[in-house]
Amino acid sequence: MPGIAQQIARNIQQSRPLPSEDKMATRNFHHTRSNSFPLLSRPSPLVSQIDEHLNRLRASDATSASSSISHKLNGFRNLYDCVDKLLQQPFSQQALAQEQHNEWVDELLDGSLRLLDLCSTAKDVVLQTKGSTNELQSILRRTGEVELVSVVGNYLTSRKQVKKAIHKALGNLKGMQTKQIFSLSEDHETNAIVSMLREVEAVTSSMFEYLLSLISGPKPGSWSLVSKLLHHKRIACKGAAREANEFEKVDAALKSLAGQRMSKSENTMNVEMQNQLKDLELCIQDLEDGLECLFRCMIKARVSLLNILTP
């Protein structure tokens, strides 16, 4: 029978097949590993719960596209609640604390900090888009062409800033992923917990990568798990073309509008734009609420990890 270290190394290296709509989704999920962890000698229901949460979050790529963003982010919040509870268990604290000087300690702490940075970036760009959207809605309701053209220009400029911040964050993420070193502990209990925490990090990292790409605006033809998060219409069949999300719809409408002259008499265009902005506003609110709750849970779990791993 192969040794524990070999079993865990194999678990880390192997990838679980994931349902996806395109090659990009499969490629970006290469961080997601086996759906089972090395067994603890003292099994905890929390480990099973975390495993179940991870399986549901992975499998959500194959479920209905009408699932709401609040439901998806709530799943990650529940995941981190379980992680924090596991880190409060004496056997977890003992297993992790006994190897405070191992190199995987820095890996875990750096990983949790990187995820908080990603979540913070997502919160910032959502908040910036919210402000621009609210300003545009207000102008559409009460003003004429001159001020509207100015505000449309401001919105598109803000979106460029958002996309620049997102591209920088995604670039940093890819750079950090290539630098990760997956060292192993010699202790079986520690390996089991560390493998689980790495799995949580990998799935969360992929989620933020997709989410930020969605807000920025995915490249033509791309599709992914989180491309469905803000997408509230069902796809007729598996091979159906992807509909634009709310961010893309407003971007496209405003770019078209910026190239035209529009007066308040063009009520049809005005009403359609207001409806699109209302849809975007609802999506932004879902994102804002979900990200804030998740951010708090992630901070709580990181504090618990710091309390264990730092003298």
C-alpha atoms as a PDB file:
ATOM      1  CA  MET A   1       0.000   0.000   0.000  1.00  0.00           C
ATOM      2  CA  PRO A   2       1.458   3.405  -0.931  1.00  0.00           C
ATOM      3  CA  GLY A   3       2.581   5.677   1.869  1.00  0.00           C
ATOM      4  CA  ILE A   4       0.521   8.583   3.190  1.00  0.00           C
ATOM      5  CA  ALA A   5       2.757  11.194   1.579  1.00  0.00           C
ATOM      6  CA  GLN A   6       2.405   9.467  -1.803  1.00  0.00           C
ATOM      7  CA  GLN A   7      -1.370   9.295  -1.456  1.00  0.00           C
ATOM      8  CA  ILE A   8      -1.603  12.993  -0.647  1.00  0.00           C
ATOM      9  CA  ALA A   9       0.797  13.968  -3.406  1.00  0.00           C
ATOM     10  CA  ARG A  10      -1.364  12.032  -5.843  1.00  0.00           C
ATOM     11  CA  ASN A  11      -4.510  13.745  -4.517  1.00  0.00           C
ATOM     12  CA  ILE A  12      -2.924  17.146  -5.044  1.00  0.00           C
ATOM     13  CA  GLN A  13      -1.696  16.379  -8.552  1.00  0.00           C
ATOM     14  CA  GLN A  14      -4.852  14.730  -9.868  1.00  0.00           C
ATOM     15  CA  SER A  15      -7.685  16.861 -11.236  1.00  0.00           C
ATOM     16  CA  ARG A  16     -11.328  15.894 -10.967  1.00  0.00           C
ATOM     17  CA  PRO A  17     -13.133  16.127 -14.359  1.00  0.00           C
ATOM     18  CA  LEU A  18     -15.374  19.175 -14.365  1.00  0.00           C
ATOM     19  CA  PRO A  19     -18.412  19.868 -16.544  1.00  0.00           C
ATOM     20  CA  SER A  20     -17.764  23.030 -18.536  1.00  0.00           C
ATOM     21  CA  GLU A  21     -19.057  24.897 -21.534  1.00  0.00           C
ATOM     22  CA  ASP A  22     -15.694  25.579 -23.133  1.00  0.00           C
ATOM     23  CA  LYS A  23     -11.969  24.903 -22.984  1.00  0.00           C
ATOM     24  CA  MET A  24     -11.262  28.065 -21.006  1.00  0.00           C
ATOM     25  CA  ALA A  25     -13.442  26.924 -18.129  1.00  0.00           C
ATOM     26  CA  THR A  26     -11.631  23.589 -18.006  1.00  0.00           C
ATOM     27  CA  ARG A  27      -8.234  25.230 -18.220  1.00  0.00           C
ATOM     28  CA  ASN A  28      -8.924  27.694 -15.415  1.00  0.00           C
ATOM     29  CA  PHE A  29     -10.189  24.992 -13.104  1.00  0.00           C
ATOM     30  CA  HIS A  30      -6.885  23.080 -13.181  1.00  0.00           C
ATOM     31  CA  HIS A  31      -6.341  24.143  -9.572  1.00  0.00           C
ATOM     32  CA  THR A  32      -9.330  22.117  -8.390  1.00  0.00           C
ATOM     33  CA  ARG A  33      -8.129  18.737  -7.217  1.00  0.00           C
ATOM     34  CA  SER A  34      -9.631  15.507  -5.952  1.00  0.00           C
ATOM     35  CA  ASN A  35     -13.017  15.720  -4.275  1.00  0.00           C
ATOM     36  CA  SER A  36     -11.822  13.710  -1.277  1.00  0.00           C
ATOM     37  CA  PHE A  37      -9.178  14.540   1.311  1.00  0.00           C
ATOM     38  CA  PRO A  38      -6.718  12.279   3.154  1.00  0.00           C
ATOM     39  CA  LEU A  39      -8.637  10.778   6.050  1.00  0.00           C
ATOM     40  CA  LEU A  40      -8.177  12.079   9.568  1.00  0.00           C
ATOM     41  CA  SER A  41      -7.593   9.496  12.271  1.00  0.00           C
ATOM     42  CA  ARG A  42     -10.252  11.393  14.245  1.00  0.00           C
ATOM     43  CA  PRO A  43     -12.938  12.105  11.632  1.00  0.00           C
ATOM     44  CA  SER A  44     -14.908  15.323  12.038  1.00  0.00           C
ATOM     45  CA  PRO A  45     -18.350  16.050  10.554  1.00  0.00           C
ATOM     46  CA  LEU A  46     -16.961  19.457   9.599  1.00  0.00           C
ATOM     47  CA  VAL A  47     -14.553  17.852   7.127  1.00  0.00           C
ATOM     48  CA  SER A  48     -17.466  16.097   5.421  1.00  0.00           C
ATOM     49  CA  GLN A  49     -19.426  19.354   5.352  1.00  0.00           C
ATOM     50  CA  ILE A  50     -16.531  21.206   3.755  1.00  0.00           C
ATOM     51  CA  ASP A  51     -16.137  18.447   1.180  1.00  0.00           C
ATOM     52  CA  GLU A  52     -19.869  18.656   0.386  1.00  0.00           C
ATOM     53  CA  HIS A  53     -19.715  22.439   0.010  1.00  0.00           C
ATOM     54  CA  LEU A  54     -16.752  22.150  -2.355  1.00  0.00           C
ATOM     55  CA  ASN A  55     -18.505  19.503  -4.435  1.00  0.00           C
ATOM     56  CA  ARG A  56     -21.625  21.665  -4.729  1.00  0.00           C
ATOM     57  CA  LEU A  57     -19.614  24.718  -5.729  1.00  0.00           C
ATOM     58  CA  ARG A  58     -17.745  22.743  -8.398  1.00  0.00           C
ATOM     59  CA  ALA A  59     -20.912  21.060  -9.648  1.00  0.00           C
ATOM     60  CA  SER A  60     -22.747  24.387  -9.939  1.00  0.00           C
ATOM     61  CA  ASP A  61     -21.137  24.749 -13.353  1.00  0.00           C
ATOM     62  CA  ALA A  62     -23.524  22.071 -14.570  1.00  0.00           C
ATOM     63  CA  THR A  63     -26.661  23.357 -12.850  1.00  0.00           C
ATOM     64  CA  SER A  64     -29.312  25.865 -13.901  1.00  0.00           C
ATOM     65  CA  ALA A  65     -27.943  29.170 -15.171  1.00  0.00           C
ATOM     66  CA  SER A  66     -30.772  30.961 -13.351  1.00  0.00           C
ATOM     67  CA  SER A  67     -29.090  30.518  -9.960  1.00  0.00           C
ATOM     68  CA  SER A  68     -28.687  33.927  -8.356  1.00  0.00           C
ATOM     69  CA  ILE A  69     -25.422  35.565  -7.412  1.00  0.00           C
ATOM     70  CA  SER A  70     -26.552  35.799  -3.794  1.00  0.00           C
ATOM     71  CA  HIS A  71     -27.062  32.027  -3.705  1.00  0.00           C
ATOM     72  CA  LYS A  72     -23.614  31.363  -5.181  1.00  0.00           C
ATOM     73  CA  LEU A  73     -21.767  33.704  -2.859  1.00  0.00           C
ATOM     74  CA  ASN A  74     -23.798  32.392   0.051  1.00  0.00           C
ATOM     75  CA  GLY A  75     -22.374  28.960  -0.750  1.00  0.00           C
ATOM     76  CA  PHE A  76     -18.851  30.304  -0.327  1.00  0.00           C
ATOM     77  CA  ARG A  77     -19.856  32.050   2.885  1.00  0.00           C
ATOM     78  CA  ASN A  78     -21.125  28.743   4.277  1.00  0.00           C
ATOM     79  CA  LEU A  79     -17.900  27.076   3.164  1.00  0.00           C
ATOM     80  CA  TYR A  80     -15.767  29.565   5.095  1.00  0.00           C
ATOM     81  CA  ASP A  81     -18.005  29.295   8.142  1.00  0.00           C
ATOM     82  CA  CYS A  82     -17.240  25.561   8.199  1.00  0.00           C
ATOM     83  CA  VAL A  83     -13.525  26.185   7.655  1.00  0.00           C
ATOM     84  CA  ASP A  84     -13.425  28.577  10.607  1.00  0.00           C
ATOM     85  CA  LYS A  85     -15.261  26.085  12.816  1.00  0.00           C
ATOM     86  CA  LEU A  86     -12.794  23.370  11.837  1.00  0.00           C
ATOM     87  CA  LEU A  87      -9.896  25.649  12.748  1.00  0.00           C
ATOM     88  CA  GLN A  88     -11.431  26.083  16.201  1.00  0.00           C
ATOM     89  CA  GLN A  89     -11.257  22.342  16.864  1.00  0.00           C
ATOM     90  CA  PRO A  90      -8.460  21.249  19.251  1.00  0.00           C
ATOM     91  CA  PHE A  91      -7.263  18.448  16.960  1.00  0.00           C
ATOM     92  CA  SER A  92      -6.933  20.909  14.042  1.00  0.00           C
ATOM     93  CA  GLN A  93      -5.061  23.438  16.136  1.00  0.00           C
ATOM     94  CA  GLN A  94      -2.718  20.780  17.482  1.00  0.00           C
ATOM     95  CA  ALA A  95      -2.016  19.324  14.039  1.00  0.00           C
ATOM     96  CA  LEU A  96      -1.227  22.720  12.506  1.00  0.00           C
ATOM     97  CA  ALA A  97       0.569  24.322  15.457  1.00  0.00           C
ATOM     98  CA  GLN A  98       3.152  21.568  15.805  1.00  0.00           C
ATOM     99  CA  GLU A  99       4.719  22.530  12.463  1.00  0.00           C
ATOM    100  CA  GLN A 100       4.735  26.318  12.619  1.00  0.00           C
ATOM    101  CA  HIS A 101       8.129  26.520  10.906  1.00  0.00           C
ATOM    102  CA  ASN A 102       7.240  24.388   7.885  1.00  0.00           C
ATOM    103  CA  GLU A 103       7.231  26.176   4.536  1.00  0.00           C
ATOM    104  CA  TRP A 104       3.567  25.363   3.933  1.00  0.00           C
ATOM    105  CA  VAL A 105       2.713  27.804   6.751  1.00  0.00           C
ATOM    106  CA  ASP A 106       3.752  30.758   4.605  1.00  0.00           C
ATOM    107  CA  GLU A 107       1.943  29.220   1.642  1.00  0.00           C
ATOM    108  CA  LEU A 108      -1.349  29.049   3.531  1.00  0.00           C
ATOM    109  CA  LEU A 109      -1.045  32.528   5.019  1.00  0.00           C
ATOM    110  CA  ASP A 110      -0.020  34.078   1.703  1.00  0.00           C
ATOM    111  CA  GLY A 111      -2.881  32.285  -0.018  1.00  0.00           C
ATOM    112  CA  SER A 112      -5.500  33.527   2.422  1.00  0.00           C
ATOM    113  CA  LEU A 113      -4.177  37.083   2.101  1.00  0.00           C
ATOM    114  CA  ARG A 114      -4.238  36.876  -1.683  1.00  0.00           C
ATOM    115  CA  LEU A 115      -7.887  35.794  -1.596  1.00  0.00           C
ATOM    116  CA  LEU A 116      -8.758  38.726   0.666  1.00  0.00           C
ATOM    117  CA  ASP A 117      -7.042  41.059  -1.803  1.00  0.00           C
ATOM    118  CA  LEU A 118      -9.107  39.591  -4.642  1.00  0.00           C
ATOM    119  CA  CYS A 119     -12.316  39.964  -2.665  1.00  0.00           C
ATOM    120  CA  SER A 120     -11.389  43.546  -1.792  1.00  0.00           C
ATOM    121  CA  THR A 121     -10.733  44.318  -5.453  1.00  0.00           C
ATOM    122  CA  ALA A 122     -14.108  42.845  -6.401  1.00  0.00           C
ATOM    123  CA  LYS A 123     -15.819  44.966  -3.745  1.00  0.00           C
ATOM    124  CA  ASP A 124     -14.046  48.119  -4.936  1.00  0.00           C
ATOM    125  CA  VAL A 125     -14.900  47.703  -8.617  1.00  0.00           C
ATOM    126  CA  VAL A 126     -18.514  46.849  -7.796  1.00  0.00           C
ATOM    127  CA  LEU A 127     -18.786  49.964  -5.622  1.00  0.00           C
ATOM    128  CA  GLN A 128     -17.259  52.135  -8.348  1.00  0.00           C
ATOM    129  CA  THR A 129     -19.653  50.736 -10.953  1.00  0.00           C
ATOM    130  CA  LYS A 130     -22.563  51.279  -8.573  1.00  0.00           C
ATOM    131  CA  GLY A 131     -21.732  54.974  -8.230  1.00  0.00           C
ATOM    132  CA  SER A 132     -21.465  55.460 -11.988  1.00  0.00           C
ATOM    133  CA  THR A 133     -24.705  53.568 -12.573  1.00  0.00           C
ATOM    134  CA  ASN A 134     -26.635  55.617 -10.021  1.00  0.00           C
ATOM    135  CA  GLU A 135     -25.377  58.860 -11.556  1.00  0.00           C
ATOM    136  CA  LEU A 136     -26.394  57.740 -15.022  1.00  0.00           C
ATOM    137  CA  GLN A 137     -29.859  56.676 -13.850  1.00  0.00           C
ATOM    138  CA  SER A 138     -30.413  60.044 -12.215  1.00  0.00           C
ATOM    139  CA  ILE A 139     -29.415  61.953 -15.342  1.00  0.00           C
ATOM    140  CA  LEU A 140     -31.610  59.825 -17.610  1.00  0.00           C
ATOM    141  CA  ARG A 141     -34.657  60.659 -15.505  1.00  0.00           C
ATOM    142  CA  ARG A 142     -34.308  64.413 -15.433  1.00  0.00           C
ATOM    143  CA  THR A 143     -31.994  66.030 -17.957  1.00  0.00           C
ATOM    144  CA  GLY A 144     -31.356  66.650 -21.613  1.00  0.00           C
ATOM    145  CA  GLU A 145     -28.821  65.679 -24.230  1.00  0.00           C
ATOM    146  CA  VAL A 146     -25.788  67.768 -23.261  1.00  0.00           C
ATOM    147  CA  GLU A 147     -25.480  66.576 -19.669  1.00  0.00           C
ATOM    148  CA  LEU A 148     -26.390  63.016 -20.667  1.00  0.00           C
ATOM    149  CA  VAL A 149     -23.519  62.841 -23.151  1.00  0.00           C
ATOM    150  CA  SER A 150     -21.138  64.019 -20.437  1.00  0.00           C
ATOM    151  CA  VAL A 151     -22.357  61.449 -17.904  1.00  0.00           C
ATOM    152  CA  VAL A 152     -22.205  58.636 -20.464  1.00  0.00           C
ATOM    153  CA  GLY A 153     -18.591  59.593 -21.085  1.00  0.00           C
ATOM    154  CA  ASN A 154     -17.909  59.555 -17.345  1.00  0.00           C
ATOM    155  CA  TYR A 155     -19.465  56.094 -17.029  1.00  0.00           C
ATOM    156  CA  LEU A 156     -17.391  54.645 -19.856  1.00  0.00           C
ATOM    157  CA  THR A 157     -14.245  56.211 -18.382  1.00  0.00           C
ATOM    158  CA  SER A 158     -15.080  54.654 -15.018  1.00  0.00           C
ATOM    159  CA  ARG A 159     -15.546  51.272 -16.689  1.00  0.00           C
ATOM    160  CA  LYS A 160     -12.092  51.565 -18.256  1.00  0.00           C
ATOM    161  CA  GLN A 161     -10.647  52.183 -14.792  1.00  0.00           C
ATOM    162  CA  VAL A 162     -12.528  49.173 -13.436  1.00  0.00           C
ATOM    163  CA  LYS A 163     -11.231  46.938 -16.217  1.00  0.00           C
ATOM    164  CA  LYS A 164      -7.680  48.162 -15.671  1.00  0.00           C
ATOM    165  CA  ALA A 165      -7.873  47.360 -11.948  1.00  0.00           C
ATOM    166  CA  ILE A 166      -9.325  43.929 -12.699  1.00  0.00           C
ATOM    167  CA  HIS A 167      -6.697  43.075 -15.301  1.00  0.00           C
ATOM    168  CA  LYS A 168      -3.978  44.044 -12.822  1.00  0.00           C
ATOM    169  CA  ALA A 169      -5.532  41.847 -10.117  1.00  0.00           C
ATOM    170  CA  LEU A 170      -5.860  38.896 -12.492  1.00  0.00           C
ATOM    171  CA  GLY A 171      -2.275  39.348 -13.634  1.00  0.00           C
ATOM    172  CA  ASN A 172      -1.074  39.278 -10.040  1.00  0.00           C
ATOM    173  CA  LEU A 173      -3.171  36.173  -9.411  1.00  0.00           C
ATOM    174  CA  LYS A 174      -1.663  34.261 -12.313  1.00  0.00           C
ATOM    175  CA  GLY A 175       1.816  35.274 -11.193  1.00  0.00           C
ATOM    176  CA  MET A 176       1.202  34.025  -7.669  1.00  0.00           C
ATOM    177  CA  GLN A 177      -0.268  30.740  -8.917  1.00  0.00           C
ATOM    178  CA  THR A 178       2.911  29.937 -10.836  1.00  0.00           C
ATOM    179  CA  LYS A 179       5.006  30.593  -7.716  1.00  0.00           C
ATOM    180  CA  GLN A 180       3.039  28.309  -5.402  1.00  0.00           C
ATOM    181  CA  ILE A 181       5.038  25.500  -3.805  1.00  0.00           C
ATOM    182  CA  PHE A 182       2.965  22.574  -2.627  1.00  0.00           C
ATOM    183  CA  SER A 183       5.171  21.182   0.110  1.00  0.00           C
ATOM    184  CA  LEU A 184       4.001  18.394   2.374  1.00  0.00           C
ATOM    185  CA  SER A 185       4.175  17.798   6.075  1.00  0.00           C
ATOM    186  CA  GLU A 186       5.394  14.488   7.462  1.00  0.00           C
ATOM    187  CA  ASP A 187       2.376  14.336   9.782  1.00  0.00           C
ATOM    188  CA  HIS A 188      -0.765  12.659   8.429  1.00  0.00           C
ATOM    189  CA  GLU A 189      -3.217  14.794  10.420  1.00  0.00           C
ATOM    190  CA  THR A 190      -1.530  17.986   9.267  1.00  0.00           C
ATOM    191  CA  ASN A 191      -1.503  16.829   5.647  1.00  0.00           C
ATOM    192  CA  ALA A 192      -5.227  16.148   5.740  1.00  0.00           C
ATOM    193  CA  ILE A 193      -6.065  19.631   7.025  1.00  0.00           C
ATOM    194  CA  VAL A 194      -3.559  21.425   4.791  1.00  0.00           C
ATOM    195  CA  SER A 195      -4.860  19.571   1.713  1.00  0.00           C
ATOM    196  CA  MET A 196      -8.383  20.692   2.577  1.00  0.00           C
ATOM    197  CA  LEU A 197      -7.331  24.327   3.055  1.00  0.00           C
ATOM    198  CA  ARG A 198      -5.499  24.295  -0.270  1.00  0.00           C
ATOM    199  CA  GLU A 199      -8.586  22.913  -1.965  1.00  0.00           C
ATOM    200  CA  VAL A 200     -10.691  25.713  -0.489  1.00  0.00           C
ATOM    201  CA  GLU A 201      -8.129  28.252  -1.693  1.00  0.00           C
ATOM    202  CA  ALA A 202      -8.070  26.798  -5.221  1.00  0.00           C
ATOM    203  CA  VAL A 203     -11.857  26.810  -5.644  1.00  0.00           C
ATOM    204  CA  THR A 204     -12.195  30.306  -4.176  1.00  0.00           C
ATOM    205  CA  SER A 205      -9.376  31.648  -6.329  1.00  0.00           C
ATOM    206  CA  SER A 206     -11.042  30.273  -9.466  1.00  0.00           C
ATOM    207  CA  MET A 207     -14.352  31.837  -8.433  1.00  0.00           C
ATOM    208  CA  PHE A 208     -12.823  35.291  -8.008  1.00  0.00           C
ATOM    209  CA  GLU A 209     -10.929  34.955 -11.268  1.00  0.00           C
ATOM    210  CA  TYR A 210     -14.140  34.227 -13.144  1.00  0.00           C
ATOM    211  CA  LEU A 211     -16.146  36.828 -11.257  1.00  0.00           C
ATOM    212  CA  LEU A 212     -13.670  39.613 -11.978  1.00  0.00           C
ATOM    213  CA  SER A 213     -13.508  38.549 -15.625  1.00  0.00           C
ATOM    214  CA  LEU A 214     -17.285  38.712 -15.766  1.00  0.00           C
ATOM    215  CA  ILE A 215     -17.425  42.238 -14.341  1.00  0.00           C
ATOM    216  CA  SER A 216     -14.672  43.350 -16.703  1.00  0.00           C
ATOM    217  CA  GLY A 217     -16.353  41.744 -19.681  1.00  0.00           C
ATOM    218  CA  PRO A 218     -15.296  38.300 -20.933  1.00  0.00           C
ATOM    219  CA  LYS A 219     -13.678  37.839 -24.297  1.00  0.00           C
ATOM    220  CA  PRO A 220     -16.019  36.790 -27.113  1.00  0.00           C
ATOM    221  CA  GLY A 221     -16.850  33.106 -26.919  1.00  0.00           C
ATOM    222  CA  SER A 222     -15.783  32.640 -23.305  1.00  0.00           C
ATOM    223  CA  TRP A 223     -18.044  30.957 -20.775  1.00  0.00           C
ATOM    224  CA  SER A 224     -17.587  29.736 -17.235  1.00  0.00           C
ATOM    225  CA  LEU A 225     -19.087  28.878 -13.877  1.00  0.00           C
ATOM    226  CA  VAL A 226     -19.235  32.448 -12.658  1.00  0.00           C
ATOM    227  CA  SER A 227     -20.297  33.764 -16.067  1.00  0.00           C
ATOM    228  CA  LYS A 228     -23.594  32.227 -14.988  1.00  0.00           C
ATOM    229  CA  LEU A 229     -23.685  33.967 -11.625  1.00  0.00           C
ATOM    230  CA  LEU A 230     -25.261  37.189 -12.841  1.00  0.00           C
ATOM    231  CA  HIS A 231     -27.039  35.541 -15.724  1.00  0.00           C
ATOM    232  CA  HIS A 232     -30.753  35.243 -14.917  1.00  0.00           C
ATOM    233  CA  LYS A 233     -32.055  33.523 -18.055  1.00  0.00           C
ATOM    234  CA  ARG A 234     -31.944  29.823 -18.844  1.00  0.00           C
ATOM    235  CA  ILE A 235     -30.029  28.485 -21.794  1.00  0.00           C
ATOM    236  CA  ALA A 236     -32.278  26.549 -24.171  1.00  0.00           C
ATOM    237  CA  CYS A 237     -29.704  23.838 -24.781  1.00  0.00           C
ATOM    238  CA  LYS A 238     -26.122  23.059 -23.876  1.00  0.00           C
ATOM    239  CA  GLY A 239     -24.803  24.324 -27.168  1.00  0.00           C
ATOM    240  CA  ALA A 240     -26.756  27.583 -27.128  1.00  0.00           C
ATOM    241  CA  ALA A 241     -24.943  30.873 -27.564  1.00  0.00           C
ATOM    242  CA  ARG A 242     -24.113  32.829 -24.433  1.00  0.00           C
ATOM    243  CA  GLU A 243     -26.256  35.869 -23.706  1.00  0.00           C
ATOM    244  CA  ALA A 244     -24.584  39.048 -22.576  1.00  0.00           C
ATOM    245  CA  ASN A 245     -24.646  39.692 -18.844  1.00  0.00           C
ATOM    246  CA  GLU A 246     -25.927  42.942 -17.357  1.00  0.00           C
ATOM    247  CA  PHE A 247     -22.520  44.637 -17.384  1.00  0.00           C
ATOM    248  CA  GLU A 248     -21.999  43.848 -21.052  1.00  0.00           C
ATOM    249  CA  LYS A 249     -25.491  44.962 -22.059  1.00  0.00           C
ATOM    250  CA  VAL A 250     -25.095  48.391 -20.473  1.00  0.00           C
ATOM    251  CA  ASP A 251     -21.560  48.795 -21.853  1.00  0.00           C
ATOM    252  CA  ALA A 252     -22.734  47.971 -25.378  1.00  0.00           C
ATOM    253  CA  ALA A 253     -25.789  50.234 -25.163  1.00  0.00           C
ATOM    254  CA  LEU A 254     -23.786  53.194 -23.878  1.00  0.00           C
ATOM    255  CA  LYS A 255     -21.042  52.781 -26.462  1.00  0.00           C
ATOM    256  CA  SER A 256     -23.719  52.817 -29.142  1.00  0.00           C
ATOM    257  CA  LEU A 257     -25.360  55.830 -27.539  1.00  0.00           C
ATOM    258  CA  ALA A 258     -22.058  57.693 -27.339  1.00  0.00           C
ATOM    259  CA  GLY A 259     -21.825  57.567 -31.126  1.00  0.00           C
ATOM    260  CA  GLN A 260     -25.292  59.050 -31.634  1.00  0.00           C
ATOM    261  CA  ARG A 261     -27.169  62.196 -30.794  1.00  0.00           C
ATOM    262  CA  MET A 262     -30.011  61.540 -28.410  1.00  0.00           C
ATOM    263  CA  SER A 263     -32.799  63.809 -27.240  1.00  0.00           C
ATOM    264  CA  LYS A 264     -35.377  63.206 -24.537  1.00  0.00           C
ATOM    265  CA  SER A 265     -38.002  62.741 -27.248  1.00  0.00           C
ATOM    266  CA  GLU A 266     -36.464  59.373 -28.056  1.00  0.00           C
ATOM    267  CA  ASN A 267     -38.451  57.729 -25.301  1.00  0.00           C
ATOM    268  CA  THR A 268     -38.034  54.168 -26.533  1.00  0.00           C
ATOM    269  CA  MET A 269     -34.251  54.277 -26.241  1.00  0.00           C
ATOM    270  CA  ASN A 270     -34.491  56.105 -22.923  1.00  0.00           C
ATOM    271  CA  VAL A 271     -36.860  53.551 -21.395  1.00  0.00           C
ATOM    272  CA  GLU A 272     -34.811  50.609 -22.663  1.00  0.00           C
ATOM    273  CA  MET A 273     -31.644  52.092 -21.210  1.00  0.00           C
ATOM    274  CA  GLN A 274     -33.307  52.698 -17.847  1.00  0.00           C
ATOM    275  CA  ASN A 275     -34.501  49.081 -17.776  1.00  0.00           C
ATOM    276  CA  GLN A 276     -30.992  47.815 -18.495  1.00  0.00           C
ATOM    277  CA  LEU A 277     -29.565  50.054 -15.793  1.00  0.00           C
ATOM    278  CA  LYS A 278     -32.186  48.789 -13.347  1.00  0.00           C
ATOM    279  CA  ASP A 279     -31.182  45.186 -14.089  1.00  0.00           C
ATOM    280  CA  LEU A 280     -27.543  46.118 -13.586  1.00  0.00           C
ATOM    281  CA  GLU A 281     -28.395  47.887 -10.328  1.00  0.00           C
ATOM    282  CA  LEU A 282     -30.056  44.728  -8.964  1.00  0.00           C
ATOM    283  CA  CYS A 283     -27.059  42.603  -9.952  1.00  0.00           C
ATOM    284  CA  ILE A 284     -24.667  45.063  -8.348  1.00  0.00           C
ATOM    285  CA  GLN A 285     -26.681  45.005  -5.120  1.00  0.00           C
ATOM    286  CA  ASP A 286     -26.534  41.195  -5.062  1.00  0.00           C
ATOM    287  CA  LEU A 287     -22.795  41.332  -5.629  1.00  0.00           C
ATOM    288  CA  GLU A 288     -22.222  44.022  -3.029  1.00  0.00           C
ATOM    289  CA  ASP A 289     -24.165  42.194  -0.315  1.00  0.00           C
ATOM    290  CA  GLY A 290     -22.703  38.779  -1.118  1.00  0.00           C
ATOM    291  CA  LEU A 291     -19.113  39.979  -1.313  1.00  0.00           C
ATOM    292  CA  GLU A 292     -19.367  41.891   1.961  1.00  0.00           C
ATOM    293  CA  CYS A 293     -20.654  38.817   3.830  1.00  0.00           C
ATOM    294  CA  LEU A 294     -18.032  36.582   2.234  1.00  0.00           C
ATOM    295  CA  PHE A 295     -15.270  39.082   3.032  1.00  0.00           C
ATOM    296  CA  ARG A 296     -16.156  39.005   6.732  1.00  0.00           C
ATOM    297  CA  CYS A 297     -16.164  35.199   6.788  1.00  0.00           C
ATOM    298  CA  MET A 298     -12.807  35.049   5.023  1.00  0.00           C
ATOM    299  CA  ILE A 299     -11.279  37.499   7.501  1.00  0.00           C
ATOM    300  CA  LYS A 300     -12.604  35.451  10.402  1.00  0.00           C
ATOM    301  CA  ALA A 301     -11.081  32.253   8.999  1.00  0.00           C
ATOM    302  CA  ARG A 302      -7.741  33.993   8.361  1.00  0.00           C
ATOM    303  CA  VAL A 303      -7.628  35.322  11.931  1.00  0.00           C
ATOM    304  CA  SER A 304      -8.219  31.792  13.229  1.00  0.00           C
ATOM    305  CA  LEU A 305      -5.411  30.508  11.015  1.00  0.00           C
ATOM    306  CA  LEU A 306      -3.066  33.272  12.162  1.00  0.00           C
ATOM    307  CA  ASN A 307      -3.798  32.505  15.799  1.00  0.00           C
ATOM    308  CA  ILE A 308      -2.711  28.906  15.210  1.00  0.00           C
ATOM    309  CA  LEU A 309       0.295  29.407  12.954  1.00  0.00           C
ATOM    310  CA  THR A 310       1.955  32.499  14.420  1.00  0.00           C
ATOM    311  CA  PRO A 311       3.693  32.436  17.821  1.00  0.00           C
END
